[in-house]
Amino acid sequence: MPGGSLPPGISRFALAIEYCGSCYHGWQRLAGRSEPTVQAALEQALSFVAAEPITVVCAGRTDAGVHAINQIVHFDTIAQRDEKAWVMGVNSQLPADIRVRWARPVTATFHARFSARARTYRYLVANTSAQPAIAAGRCLWVRKPLDIVAMQHAANFCLGEHDFSSVRGSSCQAKSPVRTLHQFEFSRVNDWVIAELRGNAFLHHMVRNLMGLILPVGLGYKKPEWVRDVLALRDRKQGGKTEAPGALYLVKVDYDQDYGFPVSSKGPFMLSD
């Protein structure tokens, strides 16, 4: 984790960001390209309020179309603003589908990415006979009833430390495909099937590719052990499809309690903490 101190007159702040990713080409700012990104919109709003160029660092870069309830970022600035000013001022400059939830001053030892202990994602599946209207584009629709007992059996093979090459996106830039998955849990709430995954870090497309492995099990096309066998092959070509991004939400990033960040509140896509 980064240490040291900030130069005189420089302050570091952490922000929690909520956004709908439907209209954005992912989190990361794209050099020399015109597609809108969440990072570019946030940095533009922060720079306006700070009256200086601001660059942010995030806890986890989300793909095009993926949403976040509690994305955490940090930035350094010479501007003297209180927490309320960072929240209300920046929100006044942001599009309606991106919002700052809270702001906190942090020490130089805090880093949004490297200080994170774990990240939690949720994947939402509408398991209904008719395609949803209100949630269209923000969930995956599966008409045939899903067997979540079989899905949980398959998901259990993914827990712990593994080489996740079989569910690694082709453009993934991570140095190692080894990750530790602490939680991969399925639950049903009425007509919704919710997958919750918590891990130390995730590879590019890892959650969506894992869902592509698990869903054929829930539909009865594959046995749960198929997931175990595919992971053991360490070959993306042997894996399932990459499921839709609009059903995926970054819902929580864990840090040491010493930072004193607010506890995530429950909302429409926060079915549990």
C-alpha atoms as a PDB file:
ATOM      1  CA  MET A   1       0.000   0.000   0.000  1.00  0.00           C
ATOM      2  CA  PRO A   2       1.381   3.458  -0.869  1.00  0.00           C
ATOM      3  CA  GLY A   3       2.896   5.398   1.995  1.00  0.00           C
ATOM      4  CA  GLY A   4       4.724   8.676   2.473  1.00  0.00           C
ATOM      5  CA  SER A   5       3.186  12.113   2.694  1.00  0.00           C
ATOM      6  CA  LEU A   6       1.625  14.650   0.392  1.00  0.00           C
ATOM      7  CA  PRO A   7       3.427  17.843  -0.664  1.00  0.00           C
ATOM      8  CA  PRO A   8       2.634  20.950   1.405  1.00  0.00           C
ATOM      9  CA  GLY A   9      -0.741  22.463   0.547  1.00  0.00           C
ATOM     10  CA  ILE A  10      -2.062  19.268  -1.079  1.00  0.00           C
ATOM     11  CA  SER A  11      -5.072  17.418   0.341  1.00  0.00           C
ATOM     12  CA  ARG A  12      -6.395  13.988  -0.585  1.00  0.00           C
ATOM     13  CA  PHE A  13     -10.096  13.174  -0.673  1.00  0.00           C
ATOM     14  CA  ALA A  14     -12.033   9.959  -1.149  1.00  0.00           C
ATOM     15  CA  LEU A  15     -15.446   9.919  -2.830  1.00  0.00           C
ATOM     16  CA  ALA A  16     -18.147   7.272  -3.197  1.00  0.00           C
ATOM     17  CA  ILE A  17     -19.693   7.376  -6.661  1.00  0.00           C
ATOM     18  CA  GLU A  18     -22.960   5.906  -7.920  1.00  0.00           C
ATOM     19  CA  TYR A  19     -23.617   5.656 -11.628  1.00  0.00           C
ATOM     20  CA  CYS A  20     -25.697   4.006 -14.291  1.00  0.00           C
ATOM     21  CA  GLY A  21     -23.250   2.782 -16.906  1.00  0.00           C
ATOM     22  CA  SER A  22     -25.748   2.367 -19.739  1.00  0.00           C
ATOM     23  CA  CYS A  23     -24.671   5.496 -21.632  1.00  0.00           C
ATOM     24  CA  TYR A  24     -20.932   5.227 -20.973  1.00  0.00           C
ATOM     25  CA  HIS A  25     -18.059   3.434 -22.620  1.00  0.00           C
ATOM     26  CA  GLY A  26     -16.949   2.113 -19.257  1.00  0.00           C
ATOM     27  CA  TRP A  27     -15.200   3.797 -16.353  1.00  0.00           C
ATOM     28  CA  GLN A  28     -11.796   4.605 -17.800  1.00  0.00           C
ATOM     29  CA  ARG A  29     -11.089   7.849 -19.631  1.00  0.00           C
ATOM     30  CA  LEU A  30     -10.159   7.139 -23.262  1.00  0.00           C
ATOM     31  CA  ALA A  31      -7.189   9.105 -24.538  1.00  0.00           C
ATOM     32  CA  GLY A  32      -7.827  10.666 -27.929  1.00  0.00           C
ATOM     33  CA  ARG A  33     -11.317   9.213 -28.229  1.00  0.00           C
ATOM     34  CA  SER A  34     -14.729  10.850 -28.046  1.00  0.00           C
ATOM     35  CA  GLU A  35     -16.811   8.118 -26.370  1.00  0.00           C
ATOM     36  CA  PRO A  36     -18.200   9.267 -23.001  1.00  0.00           C
ATOM     37  CA  THR A  37     -16.762   7.621 -19.876  1.00  0.00           C
ATOM     38  CA  VAL A  38     -17.623   7.928 -16.201  1.00  0.00           C
ATOM     39  CA  GLN A  39     -14.085   8.971 -15.259  1.00  0.00           C
ATOM     40  CA  ALA A  40     -14.011  11.767 -17.825  1.00  0.00           C
ATOM     41  CA  ALA A  41     -17.364  13.161 -16.642  1.00  0.00           C
ATOM     42  CA  LEU A  42     -16.327  13.016 -12.986  1.00  0.00           C
ATOM     43  CA  GLU A  43     -12.946  14.629 -13.570  1.00  0.00           C
ATOM     44  CA  GLN A  44     -14.549  17.435 -15.553  1.00  0.00           C
ATOM     45  CA  ALA A  45     -16.990  18.164 -12.711  1.00  0.00           C
ATOM     46  CA  LEU A  46     -14.284  17.959 -10.027  1.00  0.00           C
ATOM     47  CA  SER A  47     -11.985  20.235 -12.019  1.00  0.00           C
ATOM     48  CA  PHE A  48     -14.751  22.848 -12.252  1.00  0.00           C
ATOM     49  CA  VAL A  49     -15.351  22.830  -8.487  1.00  0.00           C
ATOM     50  CA  ALA A  50     -11.631  22.736  -7.632  1.00  0.00           C
ATOM     51  CA  ALA A  51     -10.744  25.364 -10.251  1.00  0.00           C
ATOM     52  CA  GLU A  52      -7.784  23.191 -11.268  1.00  0.00           C
ATOM     53  CA  PRO A  53      -7.286  19.988 -13.284  1.00  0.00           C
ATOM     54  CA  ILE A  54      -8.225  16.916 -11.224  1.00  0.00           C
ATOM     55  CA  THR A  55      -7.356  13.292 -11.932  1.00  0.00           C
ATOM     56  CA  VAL A  56      -9.061  10.487 -10.012  1.00  0.00           C
ATOM     57  CA  VAL A  57      -8.020   6.923  -9.178  1.00  0.00           C
ATOM     58  CA  CYS A  58     -10.780   4.315  -8.769  1.00  0.00           C
ATOM     59  CA  ALA A  59     -11.113   1.099  -6.791  1.00  0.00           C
ATOM     60  CA  GLY A  60     -12.104  -0.952  -9.822  1.00  0.00           C
ATOM     61  CA  ARG A  61     -12.557  -0.064 -13.482  1.00  0.00           C
ATOM     62  CA  THR A  62     -15.981  -1.132 -14.746  1.00  0.00           C
ATOM     63  CA  ASP A  63     -16.696  -2.164 -18.346  1.00  0.00           C
ATOM     64  CA  ALA A  64     -18.987  -0.408 -20.793  1.00  0.00           C
ATOM     65  CA  GLY A  65     -22.578  -0.682 -19.600  1.00  0.00           C
ATOM     66  CA  VAL A  66     -21.703  -1.822 -16.064  1.00  0.00           C
ATOM     67  CA  HIS A  67     -23.121   0.125 -13.113  1.00  0.00           C
ATOM     68  CA  ALA A  68     -21.865   1.021  -9.640  1.00  0.00           C
ATOM     69  CA  ILE A  69     -23.564   1.741  -6.338  1.00  0.00           C
ATOM     70  CA  ASN A  70     -20.375   2.380  -4.360  1.00  0.00           C
ATOM     71  CA  GLN A  71     -17.402   3.001  -6.618  1.00  0.00           C
ATOM     72  CA  ILE A  72     -14.619   4.559  -4.510  1.00  0.00           C
ATOM     73  CA  VAL A  73     -12.153   7.073  -5.918  1.00  0.00           C
ATOM     74  CA  HIS A  74      -9.476   9.369  -4.549  1.00  0.00           C
ATOM     75  CA  PHE A  75      -7.897  12.566  -5.820  1.00  0.00           C
ATOM     76  CA  ASP A  76      -5.354  15.174  -4.704  1.00  0.00           C
ATOM     77  CA  THR A  77      -5.983  18.905  -4.801  1.00  0.00           C
ATOM     78  CA  ILE A  78      -4.805  22.289  -3.561  1.00  0.00           C
ATOM     79  CA  ALA A  79      -8.417  23.493  -3.400  1.00  0.00           C
ATOM     80  CA  GLN A  80      -9.846  24.142   0.056  1.00  0.00           C
ATOM     81  CA  ARG A  81     -13.388  22.762   0.014  1.00  0.00           C
ATOM     82  CA  ASP A  82     -15.420  21.028   2.717  1.00  0.00           C
ATOM     83  CA  GLU A  83     -17.147  17.681   2.275  1.00  0.00           C
ATOM     84  CA  LYS A  84     -20.520  19.221   1.488  1.00  0.00           C
ATOM     85  CA  ALA A  85     -19.030  21.381  -1.234  1.00  0.00           C
ATOM     86  CA  TRP A  86     -17.406  18.400  -2.919  1.00  0.00           C
ATOM     87  CA  VAL A  87     -20.687  16.472  -2.885  1.00  0.00           C
ATOM     88  CA  MET A  88     -23.175  19.176  -3.815  1.00  0.00           C
ATOM     89  CA  GLY A  89     -20.862  21.204  -6.027  1.00  0.00           C
ATOM     90  CA  VAL A  90     -19.673  18.254  -8.070  1.00  0.00           C
ATOM     91  CA  ASN A  91     -23.185  16.786  -8.364  1.00  0.00           C
ATOM     92  CA  SER A  92     -24.400  20.098  -9.776  1.00  0.00           C
ATOM     93  CA  GLN A  93     -21.918  19.636 -12.634  1.00  0.00           C
ATOM     94  CA  LEU A  94     -22.529  15.947 -13.303  1.00  0.00           C
ATOM     95  CA  PRO A  95     -25.075  14.337 -15.637  1.00  0.00           C
ATOM     96  CA  ALA A  96     -28.081  12.875 -13.847  1.00  0.00           C
ATOM     97  CA  ASP A  97     -26.829   9.284 -14.155  1.00  0.00           C
ATOM     98  CA  ILE A  98     -23.662   9.929 -12.101  1.00  0.00           C
ATOM     99  CA  ARG A  99     -23.725  11.087  -8.474  1.00  0.00           C
ATOM    100  CA  VAL A 100     -21.264  11.597  -5.633  1.00  0.00           C
ATOM    101  CA  ARG A 101     -22.699   9.936  -2.516  1.00  0.00           C
ATOM    102  CA  TRP A 102     -20.175  11.167   0.058  1.00  0.00           C
ATOM    103  CA  ALA A 103     -16.743  12.769   0.378  1.00  0.00           C
ATOM    104  CA  ARG A 104     -14.112  12.300   3.094  1.00  0.00           C
ATOM    105  CA  PRO A 105     -10.610  13.696   3.622  1.00  0.00           C
ATOM    106  CA  VAL A 106      -8.030  10.901   3.787  1.00  0.00           C
ATOM    107  CA  THR A 107      -4.337  10.614   4.529  1.00  0.00           C
ATOM    108  CA  ALA A 108      -1.580  10.073   1.987  1.00  0.00           C
ATOM    109  CA  THR A 109      -1.562   6.361   2.861  1.00  0.00           C
ATOM    110  CA  PHE A 110      -5.019   5.877   1.339  1.00  0.00           C
ATOM    111  CA  HIS A 111      -5.230   4.635  -2.234  1.00  0.00           C
ATOM    112  CA  ALA A 112      -8.633   3.779  -3.722  1.00  0.00           C
ATOM    113  CA  ARG A 113      -7.252   0.744  -5.543  1.00  0.00           C
ATOM    114  CA  PHE A 114      -4.358  -0.550  -3.472  1.00  0.00           C
ATOM    115  CA  SER A 115      -5.934   0.050  -0.038  1.00  0.00           C
ATOM    116  CA  ALA A 116      -9.029  -1.977  -0.977  1.00  0.00           C
ATOM    117  CA  ARG A 117      -9.383  -5.284   0.869  1.00  0.00           C
ATOM    118  CA  ALA A 118     -12.120  -6.701  -1.333  1.00  0.00           C
ATOM    119  CA  ARG A 119     -14.715  -5.805  -3.926  1.00  0.00           C
ATOM    120  CA  THR A 120     -18.300  -7.042  -4.146  1.00  0.00           C
ATOM    121  CA  TYR A 121     -20.307  -7.338  -7.342  1.00  0.00           C
ATOM    122  CA  ARG A 122     -23.933  -8.332  -7.900  1.00  0.00           C
ATOM    123  CA  TYR A 123     -25.421  -9.759 -11.047  1.00  0.00           C
ATOM    124  CA  LEU A 124     -29.207  -9.482 -11.432  1.00  0.00           C
ATOM    125  CA  VAL A 125     -31.291 -11.984 -13.359  1.00  0.00           C
ATOM    126  CA  ALA A 126     -35.012 -11.531 -13.986  1.00  0.00           C
ATOM    127  CA  ASN A 127     -36.309 -15.112 -14.042  1.00  0.00           C
ATOM    128  CA  THR A 128     -39.745 -14.287 -15.419  1.00  0.00           C
ATOM    129  CA  SER A 129     -42.055 -15.530 -18.173  1.00  0.00           C
ATOM    130  CA  ALA A 130     -42.239 -12.053 -19.718  1.00  0.00           C
ATOM    131  CA  GLN A 131     -39.316  -9.718 -20.289  1.00  0.00           C
ATOM    132  CA  PRO A 132     -39.116  -6.889 -17.706  1.00  0.00           C
ATOM    133  CA  ALA A 133     -40.059  -3.405 -18.811  1.00  0.00           C
ATOM    134  CA  ILE A 134     -38.831  -1.057 -16.074  1.00  0.00           C
ATOM    135  CA  ALA A 135     -35.578  -2.949 -15.512  1.00  0.00           C
ATOM    136  CA  ALA A 136     -34.953  -3.610 -19.202  1.00  0.00           C
ATOM    137  CA  GLY A 137     -31.268  -3.208 -19.974  1.00  0.00           C
ATOM    138  CA  ARG A 138     -30.336  -3.288 -16.288  1.00  0.00           C
ATOM    139  CA  CYS A 139     -30.747  -7.004 -15.703  1.00  0.00           C
ATOM    140  CA  LEU A 140     -30.430 -10.258 -17.599  1.00  0.00           C
ATOM    141  CA  TRP A 141     -33.713 -11.866 -18.614  1.00  0.00           C
ATOM    142  CA  VAL A 142     -33.921 -15.668 -18.416  1.00  0.00           C
ATOM    143  CA  ARG A 143     -37.348 -17.077 -19.183  1.00  0.00           C
ATOM    144  CA  LYS A 144     -36.807 -20.742 -18.278  1.00  0.00           C
ATOM    145  CA  PRO A 145     -36.871 -21.411 -14.496  1.00  0.00           C
ATOM    146  CA  LEU A 146     -33.394 -21.531 -12.984  1.00  0.00           C
ATOM    147  CA  ASP A 147     -32.262 -24.186 -10.516  1.00  0.00           C
ATOM    148  CA  ILE A 148     -30.318 -22.102  -8.017  1.00  0.00           C
ATOM    149  CA  VAL A 149     -29.428 -25.171  -5.928  1.00  0.00           C
ATOM    150  CA  ALA A 150     -27.476 -26.565  -8.889  1.00  0.00           C
ATOM    151  CA  MET A 151     -26.044 -23.089  -9.594  1.00  0.00           C
ATOM    152  CA  GLN A 152     -24.817 -22.802  -6.028  1.00  0.00           C
ATOM    153  CA  HIS A 153     -23.213 -26.233  -6.267  1.00  0.00           C
ATOM    154  CA  ALA A 154     -21.352 -25.085  -9.367  1.00  0.00           C
ATOM    155  CA  ALA A 155     -20.411 -21.741  -7.829  1.00  0.00           C
ATOM    156  CA  ASN A 156     -18.820 -23.478  -4.847  1.00  0.00           C
ATOM    157  CA  PHE A 157     -16.145 -24.892  -7.164  1.00  0.00           C
ATOM    158  CA  CYS A 158     -15.033 -21.306  -7.842  1.00  0.00           C
ATOM    159  CA  LEU A 159     -14.406 -20.349  -4.213  1.00  0.00           C
ATOM    160  CA  GLY A 160     -10.878 -19.836  -2.946  1.00  0.00           C
ATOM    161  CA  GLU A 161      -7.715 -19.133  -4.906  1.00  0.00           C
ATOM    162  CA  HIS A 162      -7.692 -20.257  -8.538  1.00  0.00           C
ATOM    163  CA  ASP A 163      -6.134 -19.547 -11.884  1.00  0.00           C
ATOM    164  CA  PHE A 164      -9.179 -17.970 -13.552  1.00  0.00           C
ATOM    165  CA  SER A 165      -7.768 -17.996 -17.105  1.00  0.00           C
ATOM    166  CA  SER A 166     -10.918 -19.776 -18.325  1.00  0.00           C
ATOM    167  CA  VAL A 167     -13.024 -16.731 -17.421  1.00  0.00           C
ATOM    168  CA  ARG A 168     -10.470 -14.050 -18.256  1.00  0.00           C
ATOM    169  CA  GLY A 169     -11.330 -11.533 -20.967  1.00  0.00           C
ATOM    170  CA  SER A 170      -9.099 -11.552 -24.043  1.00  0.00           C
ATOM    171  CA  SER A 171      -8.038  -7.935 -23.485  1.00  0.00           C
ATOM    172  CA  CYS A 172      -7.276  -8.394 -19.772  1.00  0.00           C
ATOM    173  CA  GLN A 173      -4.028  -6.639 -18.813  1.00  0.00           C
ATOM    174  CA  ALA A 174      -3.579  -8.193 -15.360  1.00  0.00           C
ATOM    175  CA  LYS A 175      -0.116  -9.672 -14.806  1.00  0.00           C
ATOM    176  CA  SER A 176      -1.532 -12.799 -13.167  1.00  0.00           C
ATOM    177  CA  PRO A 177      -4.806 -14.718 -13.707  1.00  0.00           C
ATOM    178  CA  VAL A 178      -4.777 -15.914 -10.088  1.00  0.00           C
ATOM    179  CA  ARG A 179      -7.487 -14.409  -7.916  1.00  0.00           C
ATOM    180  CA  THR A 180      -9.189 -15.307  -4.615  1.00  0.00           C
ATOM    181  CA  LEU A 181     -12.973 -15.522  -4.581  1.00  0.00           C
ATOM    182  CA  HIS A 182     -14.323 -15.253  -1.017  1.00  0.00           C
ATOM    183  CA  GLN A 183     -18.018 -15.444  -1.894  1.00  0.00           C
ATOM    184  CA  PHE A 184     -20.077 -16.635  -4.852  1.00  0.00           C
ATOM    185  CA  GLU A 185     -23.617 -16.934  -3.592  1.00  0.00           C
ATOM    186  CA  PHE A 186     -26.947 -17.281  -5.354  1.00  0.00           C
ATOM    187  CA  SER A 187     -30.276 -16.294  -3.838  1.00  0.00           C
ATOM    188  CA  ARG A 188     -33.810 -15.876  -5.086  1.00  0.00           C
ATOM    189  CA  VAL A 189     -36.042 -12.930  -4.205  1.00  0.00           C
ATOM    190  CA  ASN A 190     -39.450 -13.543  -5.765  1.00  0.00           C
ATOM    191  CA  ASP A 191     -38.776 -13.616  -9.527  1.00  0.00           C
ATOM    192  CA  TRP A 192     -35.199 -12.346  -9.202  1.00  0.00           C
ATOM    193  CA  VAL A 193     -32.076 -14.477  -9.032  1.00  0.00           C
ATOM    194  CA  ILE A 194     -29.169 -12.569  -7.514  1.00  0.00           C
ATOM    195  CA  ALA A 195     -25.530 -13.578  -7.719  1.00  0.00           C
ATOM    196  CA  GLU A 196     -23.180 -11.962  -5.218  1.00  0.00           C
ATOM    197  CA  LEU A 197     -19.432 -12.270  -5.688  1.00  0.00           C
ATOM    198  CA  ARG A 198     -16.791 -10.959  -3.310  1.00  0.00           C
ATOM    199  CA  GLY A 199     -13.098 -11.249  -4.037  1.00  0.00           C
ATOM    200  CA  ASN A 200      -9.762  -9.595  -3.513  1.00  0.00           C
ATOM    201  CA  ALA A 201      -9.801  -8.449  -7.139  1.00  0.00           C
ATOM    202  CA  PHE A 202     -11.380  -9.403 -10.460  1.00  0.00           C
ATOM    203  CA  LEU A 203     -10.052  -9.992 -13.961  1.00  0.00           C
ATOM    204  CA  HIS A 204     -11.474  -8.271 -17.026  1.00  0.00           C
ATOM    205  CA  HIS A 205     -14.943  -9.734 -17.762  1.00  0.00           C
ATOM    206  CA  MET A 206     -14.445 -12.266 -14.950  1.00  0.00           C
ATOM    207  CA  VAL A 207     -17.890 -11.890 -13.343  1.00  0.00           C
ATOM    208  CA  ARG A 208     -19.759 -11.882 -16.659  1.00  0.00           C
ATOM    209  CA  ASN A 209     -17.809 -14.929 -17.841  1.00  0.00           C
ATOM    210  CA  LEU A 210     -18.467 -16.758 -14.575  1.00  0.00           C
ATOM    211  CA  MET A 211     -22.164 -16.115 -15.085  1.00  0.00           C
ATOM    212  CA  GLY A 212     -21.759 -17.551 -18.582  1.00  0.00           C
ATOM    213  CA  LEU A 213     -20.448 -20.744 -16.965  1.00  0.00           C
ATOM    214  CA  ILE A 214     -23.060 -20.973 -14.224  1.00  0.00           C
ATOM    215  CA  LEU A 215     -26.262 -20.197 -16.144  1.00  0.00           C
ATOM    216  CA  PRO A 216     -26.136 -23.350 -18.348  1.00  0.00           C
ATOM    217  CA  VAL A 217     -26.032 -25.318 -15.083  1.00  0.00           C
ATOM    218  CA  GLY A 218     -29.112 -23.501 -13.795  1.00  0.00           C
ATOM    219  CA  LEU A 219     -30.897 -24.226 -17.082  1.00  0.00           C
ATOM    220  CA  GLY A 220     -30.078 -27.927 -16.874  1.00  0.00           C
ATOM    221  CA  TYR A 221     -27.782 -27.965 -19.926  1.00  0.00           C
ATOM    222  CA  LYS A 222     -24.629 -28.719 -17.899  1.00  0.00           C
ATOM    223  CA  LYS A 223     -23.770 -30.506 -14.662  1.00  0.00           C
ATOM    224  CA  PRO A 224     -22.273 -28.442 -11.812  1.00  0.00           C
ATOM    225  CA  GLU A 225     -18.973 -30.313 -12.193  1.00  0.00           C
ATOM    226  CA  TRP A 226     -18.608 -28.831 -15.692  1.00  0.00           C
ATOM    227  CA  VAL A 227     -17.702 -25.509 -14.078  1.00  0.00           C
ATOM    228  CA  ARG A 228     -14.948 -27.180 -12.047  1.00  0.00           C
ATOM    229  CA  ASP A 229     -13.585 -28.895 -15.147  1.00  0.00           C
ATOM    230  CA  VAL A 230     -13.586 -25.724 -17.259  1.00  0.00           C
ATOM    231  CA  LEU A 231     -11.701 -23.771 -14.592  1.00  0.00           C
ATOM    232  CA  ALA A 232      -9.104 -26.562 -14.422  1.00  0.00           C
ATOM    233  CA  LEU A 233      -8.483 -26.268 -18.178  1.00  0.00           C
ATOM    234  CA  ARG A 234      -7.315 -22.636 -17.813  1.00  0.00           C
ATOM    235  CA  ASP A 235      -8.443 -21.986 -21.371  1.00  0.00           C
ATOM    236  CA  ARG A 236     -10.906 -19.223 -22.209  1.00  0.00           C
ATOM    237  CA  LYS A 237     -11.924 -21.001 -25.421  1.00  0.00           C
ATOM    238  CA  GLN A 238     -13.414 -23.806 -23.307  1.00  0.00           C
ATOM    239  CA  GLY A 239     -15.541 -21.456 -21.199  1.00  0.00           C
ATOM    240  CA  GLY A 240     -19.077 -20.179 -21.605  1.00  0.00           C
ATOM    241  CA  LYS A 241     -20.364 -16.942 -23.117  1.00  0.00           C
ATOM    242  CA  THR A 242     -19.785 -13.462 -21.755  1.00  0.00           C
ATOM    243  CA  GLU A 243     -23.125 -12.394 -20.270  1.00  0.00           C
ATOM    244  CA  ALA A 244     -24.614  -8.923 -20.666  1.00  0.00           C
ATOM    245  CA  PRO A 245     -22.924  -5.983 -18.862  1.00  0.00           C
ATOM    246  CA  GLY A 246     -26.124  -4.162 -17.926  1.00  0.00           C
ATOM    247  CA  ALA A 247     -26.966  -6.696 -15.208  1.00  0.00           C
ATOM    248  CA  LEU A 248     -23.683  -6.155 -13.348  1.00  0.00           C
ATOM    249  CA  TYR A 249     -23.252  -3.782 -10.388  1.00  0.00           C
ATOM    250  CA  LEU A 250     -20.204  -2.891  -8.316  1.00  0.00           C
ATOM    251  CA  VAL A 251     -21.900  -2.588  -4.936  1.00  0.00           C
ATOM    252  CA  LYS A 252     -19.175  -2.445  -2.301  1.00  0.00           C
ATOM    253  CA  VAL A 253     -15.462  -1.912  -1.765  1.00  0.00           C
ATOM    254  CA  ASP A 254     -14.005  -2.950   1.592  1.00  0.00           C
ATOM    255  CA  TYR A 255     -11.352  -0.886   3.400  1.00  0.00           C
ATOM    256  CA  ASP A 256      -9.908  -0.885   6.896  1.00  0.00           C
ATOM    257  CA  GLN A 257     -12.374   0.560   9.403  1.00  0.00           C
ATOM    258  CA  ASP A 258      -9.729   3.102  10.448  1.00  0.00           C
ATOM    259  CA  TYR A 259     -10.660   5.193   7.415  1.00  0.00           C
ATOM    260  CA  GLY A 260     -14.123   5.746   8.888  1.00  0.00           C
ATOM    261  CA  PHE A 261     -16.049   5.511   5.636  1.00  0.00           C
ATOM    262  CA  PRO A 262     -19.871   5.410   5.826  1.00  0.00           C
ATOM    263  CA  VAL A 263     -21.537   1.999   5.780  1.00  0.00           C
ATOM    264  CA  SER A 264     -23.276   1.307   2.480  1.00  0.00           C
ATOM    265  CA  SER A 265     -27.005   1.917   2.722  1.00  0.00           C
ATOM    266  CA  LYS A 266     -29.536  -0.460   1.216  1.00  0.00           C
ATOM    267  CA  GLY A 267     -31.364   0.574  -1.928  1.00  0.00           C
ATOM    268  CA  PRO A 268     -33.127  -0.880  -4.999  1.00  0.00           C
ATOM    269  CA  PHE A 269     -30.095  -2.977  -5.965  1.00  0.00           C
ATOM    270  CA  MET A 270     -28.683  -3.382  -2.438  1.00  0.00           C
ATOM    271  CA  LEU A 271     -30.618  -6.436  -1.312  1.00  0.00           C
ATOM    272  CA  SER A 272     -28.252  -7.128   1.583  1.00  0.00           C
ATOM    273  CA  ASP A 273     -25.102  -5.695   3.170  1.00  0.00           C
END
